[in-house]
Amino acid sequence: RGLQLSLDAAGDYEIKVEGLPNCVDTDSIRVDGTGDIVLQEVSYGVHHKPAVAGSEPLPDNAELEREAEAVAKQLRVLASRMREVESSKELLRSYATAMLSRDI
């Protein structure tokens, strides 16, 4: 990718390039210029934009861990209930088989 700028007035400028992928090779970043310029610094960093006003803040790790534990508990309860239903189903199947074999 390339970026070209023409700055009309003298002064200090900070130029930010957004939308680059997270996998940018920091050793591949090059900056050069022509004319009477002095490059004071070239740096690369990942900056996250602040949340949009009115949006919910991101949950912290402790909150996510509590939610994950609550979901895990629900899964354990549902798995237990499924085993009970399977057991009841087998009991009913055995009963029905025994009843049908008596009538024959």
N, C-alpha and C. Protein backbone atom coordinates (compact mmCIF):
# COMPACT_ATOMS: atom_id res chain seq x y z
N ARG A 1 0.85 -1.17 0.00
CA ARG A 1 0.00 0.00 0.00
C ARG A 1 0.89 1.23 0.00
N GLY A 2 0.38 2.26 -0.55
CA GLY A 2 1.13 3.51 -0.59
C GLY A 2 0.24 4.67 -0.22
N LEU A 3 0.84 5.70 0.30
CA LEU A 3 0.10 6.89 0.69
C LEU A 3 0.93 8.09 0.28
N GLN A 4 0.34 9.02 -0.46
CA GLN A 4 1.05 10.22 -0.87
C GLN A 4 0.34 11.44 -0.32
N LEU A 5 1.12 12.36 0.21
CA LEU A 5 0.56 13.58 0.76
C LEU A 5 1.32 14.78 0.21
N SER A 6 0.62 15.87 0.05
CA SER A 6 1.25 17.15 -0.27
C SER A 6 0.82 18.12 0.81
N LEU A 7 1.81 18.59 1.58
CA LEU A 7 1.52 19.52 2.65
C LEU A 7 1.94 20.91 2.19
N ASP A 8 0.98 21.85 2.17
CA ASP A 8 1.22 23.16 1.59
C ASP A 8 1.93 24.13 2.53
N ALA A 9 1.77 23.95 3.81
CA ALA A 9 2.33 24.92 4.75
C ALA A 9 3.39 24.26 5.62
N ALA A 10 4.33 25.03 6.07
CA ALA A 10 5.35 24.53 6.98
C ALA A 10 4.71 24.27 8.34
N GLY A 11 5.28 23.35 9.08
CA GLY A 11 4.75 23.07 10.41
C GLY A 11 4.95 21.62 10.78
N ASP A 12 4.51 21.30 11.98
CA ASP A 12 4.58 19.93 12.46
C ASP A 12 3.28 19.23 12.12
N TYR A 13 3.39 18.03 11.62
CA TYR A 13 2.21 17.25 11.25
C TYR A 13 2.29 15.87 11.89
N GLU A 14 1.14 15.37 12.28
CA GLU A 14 1.01 13.99 12.72
C GLU A 14 0.05 13.34 11.75
N ILE A 15 0.52 12.29 11.12
CA ILE A 15 -0.29 11.61 10.11
C ILE A 15 -0.62 10.22 10.64
N LYS A 16 -1.90 9.89 10.69
CA LYS A 16 -2.35 8.58 11.14
C LYS A 16 -3.00 7.87 9.97
N VAL A 17 -2.61 6.63 9.77
CA VAL A 17 -3.20 5.81 8.71
C VAL A 17 -4.07 4.78 9.40
N GLU A 18 -5.35 4.77 9.10
CA GLU A 18 -6.29 3.85 9.73
C GLU A 18 -6.70 2.75 8.77
N GLY A 19 -7.19 1.67 9.35
CA GLY A 19 -7.75 0.60 8.55
C GLY A 19 -6.75 -0.43 8.07
N LEU A 20 -5.53 -0.39 8.60
CA LEU A 20 -4.55 -1.40 8.23
C LEU A 20 -4.82 -2.69 9.00
N PRO A 21 -4.47 -3.83 8.43
CA PRO A 21 -4.70 -5.08 9.16
C PRO A 21 -3.78 -5.19 10.37
N ASN A 22 -4.19 -6.00 11.34
CA ASN A 22 -3.40 -6.19 12.56
C ASN A 22 -2.08 -6.89 12.30
N CYS A 23 -1.96 -7.56 11.17
CA CYS A 23 -0.77 -8.35 10.89
C CYS A 23 0.30 -7.56 10.13
N VAL A 24 0.27 -6.25 10.20
CA VAL A 24 1.26 -5.43 9.50
C VAL A 24 2.65 -5.77 10.04
N ASP A 25 3.59 -5.98 9.11
CA ASP A 25 4.98 -6.20 9.48
C ASP A 25 5.58 -4.84 9.79
N THR A 26 5.88 -4.59 11.05
CA THR A 26 6.38 -3.26 11.45
C THR A 26 7.71 -2.93 10.79
N ASP A 27 8.47 -3.93 10.38
CA ASP A 27 9.74 -3.67 9.69
C ASP A 27 9.54 -3.26 8.24
N SER A 28 8.33 -3.36 7.74
CA SER A 28 8.08 -3.01 6.34
C SER A 28 7.59 -1.57 6.18
N ILE A 29 7.39 -0.85 7.27
CA ILE A 29 6.88 0.52 7.20
C ILE A 29 8.02 1.45 6.80
N ARG A 30 7.80 2.21 5.75
CA ARG A 30 8.80 3.14 5.24
C ARG A 30 8.17 4.51 5.07
N VAL A 31 8.94 5.54 5.40
CA VAL A 31 8.49 6.91 5.21
C VAL A 31 9.64 7.68 4.57
N ASP A 32 9.33 8.42 3.52
CA ASP A 32 10.34 9.30 2.94
C ASP A 32 9.65 10.54 2.41
N GLY A 33 10.44 11.49 2.03
CA GLY A 33 9.87 12.74 1.54
C GLY A 33 10.84 13.45 0.64
N THR A 34 10.34 14.48 0.00
CA THR A 34 11.18 15.31 -0.87
C THR A 34 11.04 16.75 -0.43
N GLY A 35 12.00 17.55 -0.76
CA GLY A 35 11.96 18.95 -0.39
C GLY A 35 12.64 19.18 0.95
N ASP A 36 12.37 20.31 1.53
CA ASP A 36 12.98 20.69 2.81
C ASP A 36 12.13 20.15 3.96
N ILE A 37 12.26 18.87 4.22
CA ILE A 37 11.50 18.28 5.31
C ILE A 37 12.45 17.64 6.31
N VAL A 38 11.98 17.54 7.52
CA VAL A 38 12.69 16.83 8.57
C VAL A 38 11.70 15.85 9.18
N LEU A 39 12.01 14.57 9.05
CA LEU A 39 11.17 13.56 9.69
C LEU A 39 11.66 13.40 11.11
N GLN A 40 10.82 13.77 12.07
CA GLN A 40 11.22 13.71 13.47
C GLN A 40 11.00 12.33 14.07
N GLU A 41 9.96 11.65 13.62
CA GLU A 41 9.65 10.34 14.20
C GLU A 41 8.75 9.57 13.26
N VAL A 42 8.98 8.28 13.20
CA VAL A 42 8.09 7.36 12.50
C VAL A 42 7.78 6.26 13.50
N SER A 43 6.52 6.05 13.81
CA SER A 43 6.16 5.02 14.77
C SER A 43 4.93 4.28 14.27
N TYR A 44 4.78 3.09 14.81
CA TYR A 44 3.63 2.25 14.48
C TYR A 44 2.99 1.81 15.78
N GLY A 45 1.68 1.86 15.83
CA GLY A 45 0.97 1.39 17.02
C GLY A 45 -0.44 0.98 16.65
N VAL A 46 -0.98 0.15 17.48
CA VAL A 46 -2.37 -0.27 17.31
C VAL A 46 -3.19 0.55 18.29
N HIS A 47 -4.14 1.26 17.79
CA HIS A 47 -4.98 2.10 18.62
C HIS A 47 -6.43 1.68 18.42
N HIS A 48 -7.12 1.46 19.50
CA HIS A 48 -8.52 1.08 19.43
C HIS A 48 -9.38 2.31 19.61
N LYS A 49 -10.33 2.44 18.75
CA LYS A 49 -11.22 3.59 18.84
C LYS A 49 -12.11 3.45 20.06
N PRO A 50 -12.40 4.56 20.72
CA PRO A 50 -13.33 4.48 21.87
C PRO A 50 -14.72 4.08 21.41
N ALA A 51 -15.46 3.51 22.32
CA ALA A 51 -16.82 3.08 22.01
C ALA A 51 -17.66 4.27 21.58
N VAL A 52 -18.59 4.00 20.70
CA VAL A 52 -19.50 5.03 20.21
C VAL A 52 -20.42 5.45 21.35
N ALA A 53 -20.70 6.74 21.46
CA ALA A 53 -21.58 7.24 22.51
C ALA A 53 -22.90 6.51 22.46
N GLY A 54 -23.38 6.10 23.62
CA GLY A 54 -24.65 5.40 23.70
C GLY A 54 -24.51 3.89 23.62
N SER A 55 -23.31 3.41 23.27
CA SER A 55 -23.14 1.96 23.21
C SER A 55 -22.74 1.45 24.58
N GLU A 56 -22.97 0.17 24.80
CA GLU A 56 -22.66 -0.42 26.09
C GLU A 56 -21.16 -0.57 26.24
N PRO A 57 -20.64 -0.37 27.44
CA PRO A 57 -19.21 -0.59 27.64
C PRO A 57 -18.90 -2.08 27.55
N LEU A 58 -17.68 -2.40 27.19
CA LEU A 58 -17.28 -3.80 27.10
C LEU A 58 -17.23 -4.40 28.50
N PRO A 59 -17.69 -5.63 28.67
CA PRO A 59 -17.66 -6.25 29.99
C PRO A 59 -16.23 -6.58 30.39
N ASP A 60 -15.97 -6.58 31.69
CA ASP A 60 -14.64 -6.93 32.15
C ASP A 60 -14.51 -8.45 32.26
N ASN A 61 -13.30 -8.92 32.47
CA ASN A 61 -13.04 -10.37 32.52
C ASN A 61 -13.84 -11.06 33.61
N ALA A 62 -13.93 -10.45 34.79
CA ALA A 62 -14.66 -11.08 35.89
C ALA A 62 -16.13 -11.28 35.51
N GLU A 63 -16.72 -10.30 34.86
CA GLU A 63 -18.12 -10.41 34.45
C GLU A 63 -18.28 -11.53 33.42
N LEU A 64 -17.35 -11.60 32.46
CA LEU A 64 -17.41 -12.66 31.45
C LEU A 64 -17.23 -14.03 32.08
N GLU A 65 -16.35 -14.14 33.06
CA GLU A 65 -16.15 -15.42 33.75
C GLU A 65 -17.40 -15.84 34.51
N ARG A 66 -18.08 -14.88 35.15
CA ARG A 66 -19.34 -15.19 35.85
C ARG A 66 -20.38 -15.68 34.86
N GLU A 67 -20.48 -15.00 33.72
CA GLU A 67 -21.45 -15.42 32.71
C GLU A 67 -21.11 -16.80 32.17
N ALA A 68 -19.83 -17.06 31.93
CA ALA A 68 -19.41 -18.37 31.43
C ALA A 68 -19.73 -19.46 32.44
N GLU A 69 -19.51 -19.20 33.72
CA GLU A 69 -19.83 -20.19 34.76
C GLU A 69 -21.33 -20.43 34.83
N ALA A 70 -22.12 -19.37 34.69
CA ALA A 70 -23.58 -19.52 34.71
C ALA A 70 -24.04 -20.37 33.53
N VAL A 71 -23.46 -20.15 32.36
CA VAL A 71 -23.82 -20.95 31.18
C VAL A 71 -23.39 -22.40 31.38
N ALA A 72 -22.18 -22.60 31.93
CA ALA A 72 -21.71 -23.96 32.20
C ALA A 72 -22.64 -24.68 33.18
N LYS A 73 -23.12 -23.96 34.19
CA LYS A 73 -24.05 -24.55 35.16
C LYS A 73 -25.35 -24.94 34.46
N GLN A 74 -25.86 -24.07 33.60
CA GLN A 74 -27.08 -24.38 32.85
C GLN A 74 -26.88 -25.62 31.99
N LEU A 75 -25.71 -25.73 31.36
CA LEU A 75 -25.42 -26.91 30.54
C LEU A 75 -25.40 -28.18 31.38
N ARG A 76 -24.81 -28.10 32.58
CA ARG A 76 -24.79 -29.27 33.46
C ARG A 76 -26.21 -29.67 33.86
N VAL A 77 -27.05 -28.69 34.18
CA VAL A 77 -28.44 -28.96 34.56
C VAL A 77 -29.18 -29.60 33.39
N LEU A 78 -29.00 -29.05 32.19
CA LEU A 78 -29.67 -29.60 31.02
C LEU A 78 -29.18 -31.01 30.69
N ALA A 79 -27.88 -31.25 30.84
CA ALA A 79 -27.34 -32.59 30.59
C ALA A 79 -27.93 -33.58 31.58
N SER A 80 -28.06 -33.18 32.84
CA SER A 80 -28.66 -34.04 33.86
C SER A 80 -30.11 -34.33 33.51
N ARG A 81 -30.82 -33.32 33.10
CA ARG A 81 -32.23 -33.48 32.72
C ARG A 81 -32.37 -34.41 31.52
N MET A 82 -31.44 -34.29 30.56
CA MET A 82 -31.48 -35.18 29.39
C MET A 82 -31.26 -36.64 29.81
N ARG A 83 -30.35 -36.87 30.76
CA ARG A 83 -30.13 -38.24 31.23
C ARG A 83 -31.39 -38.77 31.90
N GLU A 84 -32.09 -37.93 32.67
CA GLU A 84 -33.34 -38.35 33.32
C GLU A 84 -34.39 -38.71 32.27
N VAL A 85 -34.50 -37.90 31.24
CA VAL A 85 -35.48 -38.14 30.18
C VAL A 85 -35.14 -39.44 29.44
N GLU A 86 -33.86 -39.65 29.14
CA GLU A 86 -33.45 -40.89 28.48
C GLU A 86 -33.77 -42.10 29.35
N SER A 87 -33.53 -41.98 30.64
CA SER A 87 -33.82 -43.07 31.57
C SER A 87 -35.32 -43.36 31.59
N SER A 88 -36.13 -42.31 31.65
CA SER A 88 -37.59 -42.47 31.63
C SER A 88 -38.04 -43.10 30.32
N LYS A 89 -37.43 -42.68 29.23
CA LYS A 89 -37.79 -43.23 27.93
C LYS A 89 -37.48 -44.73 27.87
N GLU A 90 -36.33 -45.13 28.39
CA GLU A 90 -35.98 -46.55 28.41
C GLU A 90 -36.92 -47.34 29.30
N LEU A 91 -37.29 -46.75 30.44
CA LEU A 91 -38.22 -47.42 31.35
C LEU A 91 -39.57 -47.63 30.66
N LEU A 92 -40.07 -46.61 30.00
CA LEU A 92 -41.34 -46.72 29.28
C LEU A 92 -41.25 -47.72 28.12
N ARG A 93 -40.11 -47.71 27.41
CA ARG A 93 -39.94 -48.65 26.31
C ARG A 93 -39.96 -50.09 26.85
N SER A 94 -39.26 -50.33 27.96
CA SER A 94 -39.25 -51.68 28.56
C SER A 94 -40.64 -52.08 29.01
N TYR A 95 -41.35 -51.15 29.63
CA TYR A 95 -42.71 -51.43 30.10
C TYR A 95 -43.62 -51.76 28.92
N ALA A 96 -43.53 -50.95 27.85
CA ALA A 96 -44.38 -51.18 26.67
C ALA A 96 -44.04 -52.52 26.03
N THR A 97 -42.78 -52.86 25.95
CA THR A 97 -42.37 -54.14 25.37
C THR A 97 -42.92 -55.30 26.22
N ALA A 98 -42.82 -55.15 27.54
CA ALA A 98 -43.32 -56.21 28.42
C ALA A 98 -44.83 -56.35 28.30
N MET A 99 -45.53 -55.23 28.21
CA MET A 99 -46.98 -55.28 28.09
C MET A 99 -47.40 -55.89 26.76
N LEU A 100 -46.72 -55.52 25.69
CA LEU A 100 -47.07 -56.09 24.37
C LEU A 100 -46.77 -57.59 24.31
N SER A 101 -45.70 -58.02 24.93
CA SER A 101 -45.37 -59.44 24.91
C SER A 101 -46.34 -60.26 25.74
N ARG A 102 -46.98 -59.68 26.73
CA ARG A 102 -47.98 -60.38 27.54
C ARG A 102 -49.25 -60.66 26.73
N ASP A 103 -49.59 -59.72 25.84
CA ASP A 103 -50.82 -59.85 25.06
C ASP A 103 -50.69 -60.87 23.93
N ILE A 104 -49.51 -61.26 23.58
CA ILE A 104 -49.31 -62.16 22.44
C ILE A 104 -49.60 -63.55 22.82
